[in-house]
């Protein structure tokens, strides 16, 4: 796909990745929902920005209650990624998703707390109510 090639060729930092994915990719996915499945293949890319893009492209659609099952599929695929930029990307997606699906995200992070890198874990729980954060940090 053209957008994946653009990410590979022109994206070289988190700011460009996030701006492009939130605006262009997010809009594309909302207009053409069937194209969202391509994001799963992006999680296997050798390019860190393509892997991050797989998660952050879903942030705007997640706010609009779209792609619920794909969100966890992407997070599962990136769960043990060792790159901090990728961890922050899918952690951010979980944080945004938790704003409307708090219990689902809380259960997810607690289920995978031992596998999930600390960076992703902290991002994911950042906007949760303090009581949830306290319970998560005690268990983690």
Protein backbone atom coordinates (compact mmCIF):
# COMPACT_ATOMS: atom_id res chain seq x y z
CA UNK A 1 0.00 0.00 0.00
CA UNK A 2 1.13 3.52 -0.73
CA UNK A 3 0.84 4.72 2.89
CA UNK A 4 3.04 1.92 4.19
CA UNK A 5 5.70 2.82 1.62
CA UNK A 6 5.47 6.49 2.64
CA UNK A 7 5.96 5.56 6.28
CA UNK A 8 8.99 3.45 5.39
CA UNK A 9 10.54 6.17 3.25
CA UNK A 10 9.63 9.43 4.97
CA UNK A 11 8.86 8.79 8.62
CA UNK A 12 11.94 9.00 10.82
CA UNK A 13 10.63 10.18 14.19
CA UNK A 14 7.62 9.83 16.47
CA UNK A 15 6.18 13.28 15.69
CA UNK A 16 5.95 12.67 11.96
CA UNK A 17 4.62 9.16 12.54
CA UNK A 18 1.92 10.30 14.93
CA UNK A 19 0.81 13.30 12.89
CA UNK A 20 0.61 11.33 9.66
CA UNK A 21 -1.10 8.33 11.22
CA UNK A 22 -3.60 10.24 13.33
CA UNK A 23 -4.66 12.54 10.52
CA UNK A 24 -4.20 10.72 7.21
CA UNK A 25 -4.34 7.07 8.23
CA UNK A 26 -7.09 7.61 10.79
CA UNK A 27 -9.23 9.35 8.17
CA UNK A 28 -8.53 6.69 5.56
CA UNK A 29 -9.50 3.91 7.95
CA UNK A 30 -12.75 5.61 8.87
CA UNK A 31 -13.64 6.09 5.20
CA UNK A 32 -12.55 2.60 4.14
CA UNK A 33 -12.92 0.31 7.18
CA UNK A 34 -11.98 -2.82 5.25
CA UNK A 35 -8.47 -1.42 4.80
CA UNK A 36 -7.86 -1.59 8.57
CA UNK A 37 -6.91 -5.26 8.40
CA UNK A 38 -3.64 -4.30 6.69
CA UNK A 39 -2.45 -2.89 10.01
CA UNK A 40 -1.96 -6.41 11.36
CA UNK A 41 0.71 -7.09 8.76
CA UNK A 42 2.42 -3.83 9.71
CA UNK A 43 3.07 -5.20 13.21
CA UNK A 44 5.61 -7.61 11.67
CA UNK A 45 7.61 -4.96 9.83
CA UNK A 46 11.32 -4.55 10.52
CA UNK A 47 10.73 -0.78 10.46
CA UNK A 48 9.92 0.57 13.94
CA UNK A 49 7.80 3.40 12.53
CA UNK A 50 5.61 1.02 10.52
CA UNK A 51 5.04 -1.06 13.67
CA UNK A 52 4.22 2.07 15.68
CA UNK A 53 1.94 3.22 12.85
CA UNK A 54 -0.08 0.00 13.18
CA UNK A 55 -1.15 1.15 16.64
CA UNK A 56 -1.32 4.94 16.39
CA UNK A 57 -3.36 4.81 13.17
CA UNK A 58 -6.23 3.48 15.30
CA UNK A 59 -6.22 6.29 17.87
CA UNK A 60 -8.68 8.61 16.14
CA UNK A 61 -10.99 5.74 15.10
CA UNK A 62 -10.86 4.37 18.67
CA UNK A 63 -12.21 7.68 19.94
CA UNK A 64 -15.13 7.23 17.56
CA UNK A 65 -15.88 3.68 18.75
CA UNK A 66 -14.45 1.94 15.69
CA UNK A 67 -12.29 -1.18 15.32
CA UNK A 68 -12.73 -2.45 18.89
CA UNK A 69 -11.56 -6.00 18.20
CA UNK A 70 -8.69 -4.87 15.97
CA UNK A 71 -7.31 -2.69 18.76
CA UNK A 72 -6.56 -5.72 20.94
CA UNK A 73 -5.32 -7.72 17.93
CA UNK A 74 -2.77 -4.99 17.20
CA UNK A 75 -1.77 -4.72 20.86
CA UNK A 76 -1.37 -8.50 21.08
CA UNK A 77 0.88 -8.50 18.03
CA UNK A 78 3.03 -5.72 19.51
CA UNK A 79 2.84 -6.88 23.13
CA UNK A 80 6.47 -7.93 23.54
CA UNK A 81 8.04 -5.55 21.02
CA UNK A 82 11.38 -4.37 22.43
CA UNK A 83 11.35 -0.94 20.78
CA UNK A 84 10.38 1.87 23.19
CA UNK A 85 8.73 3.90 20.40
CA UNK A 86 6.49 0.96 19.53
CA UNK A 87 5.70 0.33 23.21
CA UNK A 88 4.72 3.98 23.67
CA UNK A 89 2.58 3.79 20.52
CA UNK A 90 0.45 0.85 21.56
CA UNK A 91 0.40 2.07 25.16
CA UNK A 92 -1.03 5.35 23.89
CA UNK A 93 -3.67 3.45 21.91
CA UNK A 94 -4.68 1.55 25.05
CA UNK A 95 -4.78 4.79 27.05
CA UNK A 96 -7.15 6.40 24.53
CA UNK A 97 -9.27 3.25 24.32
CA UNK A 98 -9.52 3.10 28.12
CA UNK A 99 -11.35 6.43 28.10
CA UNK A 100 -14.44 4.61 26.83
CA UNK A 101 -13.69 0.97 27.62
CA UNK A 102 -12.02 1.26 31.00
CA UNK A 103 -12.78 -2.21 32.31
CA UNK A 104 -11.79 -3.95 29.06
CA UNK A 105 -8.44 -2.17 28.95
CA UNK A 106 -7.82 -2.66 32.66
CA UNK A 107 -8.50 -6.39 32.33
CA UNK A 108 -6.22 -6.54 29.29
CA UNK A 109 -3.25 -4.83 30.96
CA UNK A 110 -3.66 -6.95 34.08
CA UNK A 111 -3.89 -10.15 32.04
CA UNK A 112 -0.62 -9.31 30.26
CA UNK A 113 1.17 -7.38 32.99
CA UNK A 114 4.07 -9.83 33.12
CA UNK A 115 4.63 -9.76 29.36
CA UNK A 116 3.90 -6.10 28.70
CA UNK A 117 6.94 -3.84 28.88
CA UNK A 118 6.79 -1.30 31.70
CA UNK A 119 6.69 1.61 29.24
CA UNK A 120 3.55 0.34 27.50
CA UNK A 121 1.96 -0.58 30.83
CA UNK A 122 2.49 2.90 32.29
CA UNK A 123 1.17 4.62 29.18
CA UNK A 124 -1.91 2.38 29.14
CA UNK A 125 -2.95 3.15 32.73
CA UNK A 126 -1.99 6.83 32.70
CA UNK A 127 -5.53 8.22 32.32
CA UNK A 128 -7.33 5.59 34.33
CA UNK A 129 -8.94 6.63 37.61
CA UNK A 130 -6.50 6.68 40.49
CA UNK A 131 -8.09 3.62 42.11
CA UNK A 132 -7.42 1.57 38.96
CA UNK A 133 -3.88 2.89 38.71
CA UNK A 134 -3.20 2.01 42.34
CA UNK A 135 -4.50 -1.54 41.89
CA UNK A 136 -2.52 -1.97 38.68
CA UNK A 137 0.70 -0.74 40.22
CA UNK A 138 0.29 -2.96 43.28
CA UNK A 139 -0.16 -6.02 41.12
CA UNK A 140 2.55 -5.14 38.61
